[in-house]
Amino acid sequence: MKSRRILVISLSVIFAAILVFSFFFAFTVKKVNATFSVFDGSDAECEKLKTEFDNFLGRYLLFFDEKEVEKIVADYPLFEVKSVSKNYPDGIFITVAERKEVYLFSSGDKNFVISEDGKAIRNGDKTSDGGLVKLSIVNFGETEVKLGEVISTDYTENLLNAFAIAKSVKLTDKVSEIKIERKLSTKKPEELGVYETVITFSTLTEVNVTVWDADNGGEEKALAVFDKFDSLSDYEKSFYDLEVDFDSEGKIVIVWTKDGTREVI
C-alpha cells in the first residue's frame, strides 16, 4: 500500500513536470519579426539591430519585458522604437523607425545632427549637412550634447517645448534657420527678471517669423502665423517679417514689421 502511494506521488510529480516543461516550451520565443521604417543608407545598422533582436530567440515569452528592446535601440541614436508586442504563443513583433534628421547644431568646435524632437542623432558636418535647418540656442545656460540623448540645458523643458512647436509647423520646407532664445519679458515691466522663450524662424524667402512667449500657447501661435505666412503672395513672403503673440485679452495678434514700421494684419 505504501509503495503504491509512493508510485502515485512519483507519477504525479513526473506528470506535473512534463506539463510545466510543455507549457514553457509552448511559450518559448521561436520567431522575432522586426520591421524597419528607414531611409536609404541605413541597411547596415538595421542588420546589426536584427542580429541583436535574434538574441531573444529561446527566451520565455511570458517573462519577456518589452523594455529590453528599448535598451538595445538606445545604443543606436539614429533609431527609435515605435512598437513592441508579444505574439502568442511564440513570437515578438518589433517596429523600429529612423529618426528624422532636421537640425544642424554647433556646440564649441563640434557639430551635431539633431532630430525633430531635440535628440542628438550623430556627429554632423557643416558641408555635407548644410541642407539641414541651422539651430541656435541662446541664453539657455549650460548646454550639453550627448549622442542618443536630447540636448540638455538649464531650461531643458522650455527647449523641448520649442522643438515641439517647430515640429507642429512642419518647418523643413519653409525654414533655413531657427533660433530659440530666452529673453526678458516686456509684458510685465514691474516684474524684473521674468524671462520668456522666443522662437525666430528664418524662412527660405529670407524673412523672419517670430513667436513671442512660446511657453504660453506657442503651438497655437505658430500654427496661426504660418497659416498667415502661407497665404501671403511671393512678394509679401520676401518682404515682410511676421511676429505673433497674445494680446491683453488672450487673442492671437499677428504683426507685419518692416524697417521699423508695424502693422497688425
C-alpha atoms as a PDB file:
ATOM      1  CA  MET A   1       0.000   0.000   0.000  1.00  0.00           C
ATOM      2  CA  LYS A   2       2.754   2.341   0.946  1.00  0.00           C
ATOM      3  CA  SER A   3       4.672   1.550  -2.232  1.00  0.00           C
ATOM      4  CA  ARG A   4       1.552   2.265  -4.289  1.00  0.00           C
ATOM      5  CA  ARG A   5       1.217   5.701  -2.710  1.00  0.00           C
ATOM      6  CA  ILE A   6       4.860   6.415  -3.463  1.00  0.00           C
ATOM      7  CA  LEU A   7       4.306   5.319  -7.060  1.00  0.00           C
ATOM      8  CA  VAL A   8       1.227   7.551  -7.421  1.00  0.00           C
ATOM      9  CA  ILE A   9       3.092  10.524  -5.978  1.00  0.00           C
ATOM     10  CA  SER A  10       6.073   9.897  -8.238  1.00  0.00           C
ATOM     11  CA  LEU A  11       3.885   9.653 -11.327  1.00  0.00           C
ATOM     12  CA  SER A  12       2.080  12.849 -10.319  1.00  0.00           C
ATOM     13  CA  VAL A  13       5.348  14.706  -9.918  1.00  0.00           C
ATOM     14  CA  ILE A  14       6.587  13.436 -13.275  1.00  0.00           C
ATOM     15  CA  PHE A  15       3.298  14.365 -14.948  1.00  0.00           C
ATOM     16  CA  ALA A  16       3.387  17.844 -13.399  1.00  0.00           C
ATOM     17  CA  ALA A  17       6.967  18.316 -14.545  1.00  0.00           C
ATOM     18  CA  ILE A  18       6.013  17.314 -18.078  1.00  0.00           C
ATOM     19  CA  LEU A  19       3.124  19.774 -18.021  1.00  0.00           C
ATOM     20  CA  VAL A  20       5.364  22.611 -16.794  1.00  0.00           C
ATOM     21  CA  PHE A  21       8.032  21.777 -19.373  1.00  0.00           C
ATOM     22  CA  SER A  22       5.419  21.621 -22.162  1.00  0.00           C
ATOM     23  CA  PHE A  23       3.898  24.898 -21.021  1.00  0.00           C
ATOM     24  CA  PHE A  24       7.168  26.782 -21.091  1.00  0.00           C
ATOM     25  CA  PHE A  25       8.253  25.125 -24.341  1.00  0.00           C
ATOM     26  CA  ALA A  26       4.996  26.195 -25.979  1.00  0.00           C
ATOM     27  CA  PHE A  27       5.643  29.803 -24.956  1.00  0.00           C
ATOM     28  CA  THR A  28       9.296  29.908 -25.968  1.00  0.00           C
ATOM     29  CA  VAL A  29      10.174  32.633 -28.481  1.00  0.00           C
ATOM     30  CA  LYS A  30      10.701  30.980 -31.852  1.00  0.00           C
ATOM     31  CA  LYS A  31      10.441  33.997 -34.141  1.00  0.00           C
ATOM     32  CA  VAL A  32      11.235  37.706 -33.904  1.00  0.00           C
ATOM     33  CA  ASN A  33       9.544  39.814 -36.567  1.00  0.00           C
ATOM     34  CA  ALA A  34      11.386  43.162 -36.822  1.00  0.00           C
ATOM     35  CA  THR A  35      10.065  45.826 -39.196  1.00  0.00           C
ATOM     36  CA  PHE A  36      12.144  48.895 -40.065  1.00  0.00           C
ATOM     37  CA  SER A  37      10.937  52.214 -41.461  1.00  0.00           C
ATOM     38  CA  VAL A  38      14.165  53.843 -42.612  1.00  0.00           C
ATOM     39  CA  PHE A  39      15.724  55.999 -45.294  1.00  0.00           C
ATOM     40  CA  ASP A  40      18.365  54.899 -47.790  1.00  0.00           C
ATOM     41  CA  GLY A  41      21.804  54.074 -46.423  1.00  0.00           C
ATOM     42  CA  SER A  42      20.758  52.541 -43.101  1.00  0.00           C
ATOM     43  CA  ASP A  43      20.796  48.863 -44.102  1.00  0.00           C
ATOM     44  CA  ALA A  44      23.981  48.007 -42.184  1.00  0.00           C
ATOM     45  CA  GLU A  45      22.621  49.430 -38.925  1.00  0.00           C
ATOM     46  CA  CYS A  46      19.337  47.578 -39.443  1.00  0.00           C
ATOM     47  CA  GLU A  47      21.185  44.290 -39.833  1.00  0.00           C
ATOM     48  CA  LYS A  48      23.065  44.925 -36.584  1.00  0.00           C
ATOM     49  CA  LEU A  49      19.782  45.514 -34.775  1.00  0.00           C
ATOM     50  CA  LYS A  50      18.228  42.384 -36.271  1.00  0.00           C
ATOM     51  CA  THR A  51      21.182  40.361 -35.006  1.00  0.00           C
ATOM     52  CA  GLU A  52      20.694  41.755 -31.508  1.00  0.00           C
ATOM     53  CA  PHE A  53      16.952  41.083 -31.615  1.00  0.00           C
ATOM     54  CA  ASP A  54      17.658  37.443 -32.540  1.00  0.00           C
ATOM     55  CA  ASN A  55      19.105  37.032 -29.040  1.00  0.00           C
ATOM     56  CA  PHE A  56      15.501  36.951 -27.833  1.00  0.00           C
ATOM     57  CA  LEU A  57      15.036  33.553 -29.525  1.00  0.00           C
ATOM     58  CA  GLY A  58      14.668  30.778 -26.972  1.00  0.00           C
ATOM     59  CA  ARG A  59      13.530  33.158 -24.237  1.00  0.00           C
ATOM     60  CA  TYR A  60      10.284  32.554 -22.352  1.00  0.00           C
ATOM     61  CA  LEU A  61       7.705  34.849 -23.902  1.00  0.00           C
ATOM     62  CA  LEU A  62       5.703  35.124 -20.693  1.00  0.00           C
ATOM     63  CA  PHE A  63       8.628  36.761 -18.911  1.00  0.00           C
ATOM     64  CA  PHE A  64       9.838  38.886 -21.826  1.00  0.00           C
ATOM     65  CA  ASP A  65       9.989  42.606 -20.969  1.00  0.00           C
ATOM     66  CA  GLU A  66       9.353  44.980 -23.904  1.00  0.00           C
ATOM     67  CA  LYS A  67      11.733  47.490 -22.321  1.00  0.00           C
ATOM     68  CA  GLU A  68      14.617  45.211 -23.295  1.00  0.00           C
ATOM     69  CA  VAL A  69      14.074  46.267 -26.894  1.00  0.00           C
ATOM     70  CA  GLU A  70      14.276  49.934 -25.930  1.00  0.00           C
ATOM     71  CA  LYS A  71      17.557  49.305 -24.091  1.00  0.00           C
ATOM     72  CA  ILE A  72      19.072  47.775 -27.224  1.00  0.00           C
ATOM     73  CA  VAL A  73      17.831  50.517 -29.557  1.00  0.00           C
ATOM     74  CA  ALA A  74      19.095  53.195 -27.155  1.00  0.00           C
ATOM     75  CA  ASP A  75      22.613  52.327 -28.347  1.00  0.00           C
ATOM     76  CA  TYR A  76      21.563  53.276 -31.895  1.00  0.00           C
ATOM     77  CA  PRO A  77      20.692  57.012 -31.727  1.00  0.00           C
ATOM     78  CA  LEU A  78      19.550  57.009 -35.346  1.00  0.00           C
ATOM     79  CA  PHE A  79      16.554  54.822 -34.477  1.00  0.00           C
ATOM     80  CA  GLU A  80      13.554  54.858 -32.177  1.00  0.00           C
ATOM     81  CA  VAL A  81      11.165  52.108 -31.102  1.00  0.00           C
ATOM     82  CA  LYS A  82       7.655  52.595 -32.409  1.00  0.00           C
ATOM     83  CA  SER A  83       6.056  49.451 -31.017  1.00  0.00           C
ATOM     84  CA  VAL A  84       6.807  46.118 -29.323  1.00  0.00           C
ATOM     85  CA  SER A  85       4.233  43.388 -28.864  1.00  0.00           C
ATOM     86  CA  LYS A  86       4.090  39.733 -27.870  1.00  0.00           C
ATOM     87  CA  ASN A  87       2.501  37.492 -30.486  1.00  0.00           C
ATOM     88  CA  TYR A  88       1.404  34.398 -28.579  1.00  0.00           C
ATOM     89  CA  PRO A  89       2.306  31.639 -28.408  1.00  0.00           C
ATOM     90  CA  ASP A  90       5.872  32.109 -29.644  1.00  0.00           C
ATOM     91  CA  GLY A  91       6.552  35.415 -31.402  1.00  0.00           C
ATOM     92  CA  ILE A  92       7.663  39.018 -30.848  1.00  0.00           C
ATOM     93  CA  PHE A  93       6.750  41.882 -33.192  1.00  0.00           C
ATOM     94  CA  ILE A  94       9.047  44.932 -33.188  1.00  0.00           C
ATOM     95  CA  THR A  95       8.693  48.107 -35.229  1.00  0.00           C
ATOM     96  CA  VAL A  96      11.649  50.487 -35.440  1.00  0.00           C
ATOM     97  CA  ALA A  97      11.809  53.809 -37.305  1.00  0.00           C
ATOM     98  CA  GLU A  98      14.682  56.036 -38.282  1.00  0.00           C
ATOM     99  CA  ARG A  99      14.613  59.427 -36.622  1.00  0.00           C
ATOM    100  CA  LYS A 100      14.136  62.360 -38.972  1.00  0.00           C
ATOM    101  CA  GLU A 101      17.257  64.499 -39.301  1.00  0.00           C
ATOM    102  CA  VAL A 102      16.171  68.139 -39.059  1.00  0.00           C
ATOM    103  CA  TYR A 103      18.745  70.404 -37.404  1.00  0.00           C
ATOM    104  CA  LEU A 104      22.468  71.062 -37.535  1.00  0.00           C
ATOM    105  CA  PHE A 105      23.675  72.361 -34.184  1.00  0.00           C
ATOM    106  CA  SER A 106      27.161  73.609 -33.325  1.00  0.00           C
ATOM    107  CA  SER A 107      28.453  73.279 -29.760  1.00  0.00           C
ATOM    108  CA  GLY A 108      32.004  74.509 -29.289  1.00  0.00           C
ATOM    109  CA  ASP A 109      34.072  73.022 -32.090  1.00  0.00           C
ATOM    110  CA  LYS A 110      31.667  70.105 -32.647  1.00  0.00           C
ATOM    111  CA  ASN A 111      28.654  69.789 -34.923  1.00  0.00           C
ATOM    112  CA  PHE A 112      25.674  67.525 -34.287  1.00  0.00           C
ATOM    113  CA  VAL A 113      22.700  66.407 -36.335  1.00  0.00           C
ATOM    114  CA  ILE A 114      19.560  66.807 -34.216  1.00  0.00           C
ATOM    115  CA  SER A 115      16.189  65.114 -34.651  1.00  0.00           C
ATOM    116  CA  GLU A 116      12.904  66.999 -34.732  1.00  0.00           C
ATOM    117  CA  ASP A 117      12.363  66.188 -31.039  1.00  0.00           C
ATOM    118  CA  GLY A 118      15.756  67.563 -29.981  1.00  0.00           C
ATOM    119  CA  LYS A 119      17.781  64.340 -29.742  1.00  0.00           C
ATOM    120  CA  ALA A 120      21.383  64.211 -30.982  1.00  0.00           C
ATOM    121  CA  ILE A 121      21.456  61.528 -33.691  1.00  0.00           C
ATOM    122  CA  ARG A 122      25.027  61.655 -34.954  1.00  0.00           C
ATOM    123  CA  ASN A 123      28.037  63.881 -35.429  1.00  0.00           C
ATOM    124  CA  GLY A 124      27.460  66.455 -38.138  1.00  0.00           C
ATOM    125  CA  ASP A 125      29.409  68.280 -40.800  1.00  0.00           C
ATOM    126  CA  LYS A 126      28.739  71.861 -41.892  1.00  0.00           C
ATOM    127  CA  THR A 127      29.443  70.992 -45.517  1.00  0.00           C
ATOM    128  CA  SER A 128      27.693  67.668 -46.073  1.00  0.00           C
ATOM    129  CA  ASP A 129      24.843  68.502 -43.660  1.00  0.00           C
ATOM    130  CA  GLY A 130      24.492  72.104 -44.800  1.00  0.00           C
ATOM    131  CA  GLY A 131      20.990  71.449 -46.105  1.00  0.00           C
ATOM    132  CA  LEU A 132      19.615  70.886 -42.620  1.00  0.00           C
ATOM    133  CA  VAL A 133      17.973  73.653 -40.610  1.00  0.00           C
ATOM    134  CA  LYS A 134      20.602  75.581 -38.672  1.00  0.00           C
ATOM    135  CA  LEU A 135      19.804  75.594 -34.946  1.00  0.00           C
ATOM    136  CA  SER A 136      20.835  78.289 -32.466  1.00  0.00           C
ATOM    137  CA  ILE A 137      20.114  78.115 -28.734  1.00  0.00           C
ATOM    138  CA  VAL A 138      20.645  81.399 -26.874  1.00  0.00           C
ATOM    139  CA  ASN A 139      20.604  82.210 -23.133  1.00  0.00           C
ATOM    140  CA  PHE A 140      19.608  78.718 -22.011  1.00  0.00           C
ATOM    141  CA  GLY A 141      22.553  78.388 -19.652  1.00  0.00           C
ATOM    142  CA  GLU A 142      24.935  75.451 -19.830  1.00  0.00           C
ATOM    143  CA  THR A 143      24.251  73.326 -22.894  1.00  0.00           C
ATOM    144  CA  GLU A 144      25.322  69.681 -23.126  1.00  0.00           C
ATOM    145  CA  VAL A 145      25.004  67.425 -26.165  1.00  0.00           C
ATOM    146  CA  LYS A 146      25.379  63.636 -25.987  1.00  0.00           C
ATOM    147  CA  LEU A 147      24.629  61.273 -28.843  1.00  0.00           C
ATOM    148  CA  GLY A 148      21.385  59.422 -28.253  1.00  0.00           C
ATOM    149  CA  GLU A 149      20.054  61.981 -25.778  1.00  0.00           C
ATOM    150  CA  VAL A 150      18.055  65.203 -26.034  1.00  0.00           C
ATOM    151  CA  ILE A 151      20.013  68.435 -25.789  1.00  0.00           C
ATOM    152  CA  SER A 152      20.367  69.277 -22.113  1.00  0.00           C
ATOM    153  CA  THR A 153      20.287  72.867 -20.827  1.00  0.00           C
ATOM    154  CA  ASP A 154      19.416  74.700 -17.632  1.00  0.00           C
ATOM    155  CA  TYR A 155      15.921  75.047 -19.124  1.00  0.00           C
ATOM    156  CA  THR A 156      15.503  71.750 -20.986  1.00  0.00           C
ATOM    157  CA  GLU A 157      11.715  71.652 -20.560  1.00  0.00           C
ATOM    158  CA  ASN A 158      11.346  75.027 -22.299  1.00  0.00           C
ATOM    159  CA  LEU A 159      13.708  73.929 -25.047  1.00  0.00           C
ATOM    160  CA  LEU A 160      11.818  70.692 -25.715  1.00  0.00           C
ATOM    161  CA  ASN A 161       8.593  72.663 -25.869  1.00  0.00           C
ATOM    162  CA  ALA A 162      10.180  74.843 -28.570  1.00  0.00           C
ATOM    163  CA  PHE A 163      11.107  71.728 -30.569  1.00  0.00           C
ATOM    164  CA  ALA A 164       7.510  70.512 -30.318  1.00  0.00           C
ATOM    165  CA  ILE A 165       6.266  73.875 -31.604  1.00  0.00           C
ATOM    166  CA  ALA A 166       8.688  73.790 -34.535  1.00  0.00           C
ATOM    167  CA  LYS A 167       7.600  70.234 -35.350  1.00  0.00           C
ATOM    168  CA  SER A 168       3.957  71.272 -35.428  1.00  0.00           C
ATOM    169  CA  VAL A 169       4.503  73.734 -38.278  1.00  0.00           C
ATOM    170  CA  LYS A 170       6.429  71.244 -40.472  1.00  0.00           C
ATOM    171  CA  LEU A 171       9.195  73.799 -40.841  1.00  0.00           C
ATOM    172  CA  THR A 172      11.642  71.905 -43.045  1.00  0.00           C
ATOM    173  CA  ASP A 173      10.051  73.033 -46.314  1.00  0.00           C
ATOM    174  CA  LYS A 174       9.907  76.687 -45.226  1.00  0.00           C
ATOM    175  CA  VAL A 175      12.784  77.435 -42.887  1.00  0.00           C
ATOM    176  CA  SER A 176      16.579  77.624 -43.193  1.00  0.00           C
ATOM    177  CA  GLU A 177      17.362  78.550 -39.592  1.00  0.00           C
ATOM    178  CA  ILE A 178      15.707  78.597 -36.189  1.00  0.00           C
ATOM    179  CA  LYS A 179      16.810  80.499 -33.107  1.00  0.00           C
ATOM    180  CA  ILE A 180      15.416  79.530 -29.716  1.00  0.00           C
ATOM    181  CA  GLU A 181      16.146  82.248 -27.189  1.00  0.00           C
ATOM    182  CA  ARG A 182      15.289  83.195 -23.631  1.00  0.00           C
ATOM    183  CA  LYS A 183      14.565  86.941 -23.420  1.00  0.00           C
ATOM    184  CA  LEU A 184      13.487  89.265 -20.668  1.00  0.00           C
ATOM    185  CA  SER A 185       9.750  89.742 -20.887  1.00  0.00           C
ATOM    186  CA  THR A 186       8.493  93.225 -21.760  1.00  0.00           C
ATOM    187  CA  LYS A 187       4.889  92.416 -20.854  1.00  0.00           C
ATOM    188  CA  LYS A 188       5.305  92.989 -17.125  1.00  0.00           C
ATOM    189  CA  PRO A 189       7.977  95.651 -16.654  1.00  0.00           C
ATOM    190  CA  GLU A 190       7.096  95.807 -12.982  1.00  0.00           C
ATOM    191  CA  GLU A 191       8.286  92.196 -12.585  1.00  0.00           C
ATOM    192  CA  LEU A 192      12.028  92.316 -13.133  1.00  0.00           C
ATOM    193  CA  GLY A 193      13.867  89.196 -14.211  1.00  0.00           C
ATOM    194  CA  VAL A 194      10.902  87.439 -15.863  1.00  0.00           C
ATOM    195  CA  TYR A 195      12.037  85.549 -18.978  1.00  0.00           C
ATOM    196  CA  GLU A 196      10.092  84.102 -21.884  1.00  0.00           C
ATOM    197  CA  THR A 197      11.039  81.764 -24.726  1.00  0.00           C
ATOM    198  CA  VAL A 198      11.165  83.414 -28.139  1.00  0.00           C
ATOM    199  CA  ILE A 199      11.427  81.358 -31.347  1.00  0.00           C
ATOM    200  CA  THR A 200      12.585  83.043 -34.544  1.00  0.00           C
ATOM    201  CA  PHE A 201      12.242  81.144 -37.811  1.00  0.00           C
ATOM    202  CA  SER A 202      14.364  82.420 -40.712  1.00  0.00           C
ATOM    203  CA  THR A 203      12.443  81.383 -43.811  1.00  0.00           C
ATOM    204  CA  LEU A 204      13.743  80.327 -47.194  1.00  0.00           C
ATOM    205  CA  THR A 205      12.400  83.633 -48.538  1.00  0.00           C
ATOM    206  CA  GLU A 206      14.774  85.467 -46.159  1.00  0.00           C
ATOM    207  CA  VAL A 207      12.230  86.950 -43.780  1.00  0.00           C
ATOM    208  CA  ASN A 208      11.820  86.179 -40.083  1.00  0.00           C
ATOM    209  CA  VAL A 209       8.762  84.743 -38.357  1.00  0.00           C
ATOM    210  CA  THR A 210       8.909  85.289 -34.579  1.00  0.00           C
ATOM    211  CA  VAL A 211       6.780  83.563 -31.939  1.00  0.00           C
ATOM    212  CA  TRP A 212       6.851  85.529 -28.692  1.00  0.00           C
ATOM    213  CA  ASP A 213       6.310  83.911 -25.278  1.00  0.00           C
ATOM    214  CA  ALA A 214       6.385  80.442 -26.812  1.00  0.00           C
ATOM    215  CA  ASP A 215       5.777  78.724 -23.466  1.00  0.00           C
ATOM    216  CA  ASN A 216       2.313  80.271 -23.397  1.00  0.00           C
ATOM    217  CA  GLY A 217       0.243  78.831 -26.245  1.00  0.00           C
ATOM    218  CA  GLY A 218       3.262  78.636 -28.522  1.00  0.00           C
ATOM    219  CA  GLU A 219       1.936  75.939 -30.818  1.00  0.00           C
ATOM    220  CA  GLU A 220      -1.339  77.774 -31.362  1.00  0.00           C
ATOM    221  CA  LYS A 221       0.558  80.962 -32.151  1.00  0.00           C
ATOM    222  CA  ALA A 222       2.996  79.233 -34.501  1.00  0.00           C
ATOM    223  CA  LEU A 223       0.266  77.492 -36.474  1.00  0.00           C
ATOM    224  CA  ALA A 224      -1.637  80.758 -36.824  1.00  0.00           C
ATOM    225  CA  VAL A 225       1.329  82.811 -38.010  1.00  0.00           C
ATOM    226  CA  PHE A 226       2.487  80.180 -40.512  1.00  0.00           C
ATOM    227  CA  ASP A 227      -1.066  79.869 -41.855  1.00  0.00           C
ATOM    228  CA  LYS A 228      -0.856  83.607 -42.474  1.00  0.00           C
ATOM    229  CA  PHE A 229       2.615  83.249 -43.983  1.00  0.00           C
ATOM    230  CA  ASP A 230       1.385  80.566 -46.403  1.00  0.00           C
ATOM    231  CA  SER A 231      -1.468  82.825 -47.520  1.00  0.00           C
ATOM    232  CA  LEU A 232       0.872  85.690 -48.478  1.00  0.00           C
ATOM    233  CA  SER A 233       1.968  86.419 -52.021  1.00  0.00           C
ATOM    234  CA  ASP A 234       5.527  85.576 -53.065  1.00  0.00           C
ATOM    235  CA  TYR A 235       6.349  89.291 -52.889  1.00  0.00           C
ATOM    236  CA  GLU A 236       4.992  89.628 -49.353  1.00  0.00           C
ATOM    237  CA  LYS A 237       6.812  86.478 -48.238  1.00  0.00           C
ATOM    238  CA  SER A 238      10.108  88.030 -49.288  1.00  0.00           C
ATOM    239  CA  PHE A 239       9.462  91.481 -47.847  1.00  0.00           C
ATOM    240  CA  TYR A 240       7.648  91.439 -44.502  1.00  0.00           C
ATOM    241  CA  ASP A 241       8.772  89.952 -41.197  1.00  0.00           C
ATOM    242  CA  LEU A 242       5.979  88.482 -39.081  1.00  0.00           C
ATOM    243  CA  GLU A 243       5.513  88.380 -35.323  1.00  0.00           C
ATOM    244  CA  VAL A 244       2.815  86.697 -33.255  1.00  0.00           C
ATOM    245  CA  ASP A 245       1.680  86.855 -29.631  1.00  0.00           C
ATOM    246  CA  PHE A 246      -1.441  87.069 -27.482  1.00  0.00           C
ATOM    247  CA  ASP A 247      -2.908  90.464 -26.739  1.00  0.00           C
ATOM    248  CA  SER A 248      -4.092  91.511 -23.269  1.00  0.00           C
ATOM    249  CA  GLU A 249      -7.373  89.648 -23.859  1.00  0.00           C
ATOM    250  CA  GLY A 250      -5.662  86.407 -24.852  1.00  0.00           C
ATOM    251  CA  LYS A 251      -6.390  86.750 -28.571  1.00  0.00           C
ATOM    252  CA  ILE A 252      -3.764  85.981 -31.218  1.00  0.00           C
ATOM    253  CA  VAL A 253      -2.296  89.066 -32.857  1.00  0.00           C
ATOM    254  CA  ILE A 254      -0.086  88.836 -35.949  1.00  0.00           C
ATOM    255  CA  VAL A 255       2.009  91.854 -36.882  1.00  0.00           C
ATOM    256  CA  TRP A 256       3.836  92.790 -40.078  1.00  0.00           C
ATOM    257  CA  THR A 257       7.143  94.503 -39.429  1.00  0.00           C
ATOM    258  CA  LYS A 258       9.497  96.197 -41.865  1.00  0.00           C
ATOM    259  CA  ASP A 259      12.065  98.975 -41.434  1.00  0.00           C
ATOM    260  CA  GLY A 260      10.706  99.914 -38.020  1.00  0.00           C
ATOM    261  CA  THR A 261       7.053 100.018 -39.049  1.00  0.00           C
ATOM    262  CA  ARG A 262       4.493  97.676 -37.509  1.00  0.00           C
ATOM    263  CA  GLU A 263       1.036  96.802 -38.780  1.00  0.00           C
ATOM    264  CA  VAL A 264      -1.500  94.350 -37.387  1.00  0.00           C
ATOM    265  CA  ILE A 265      -2.826  92.016 -40.067  1.00  0.00           C
END
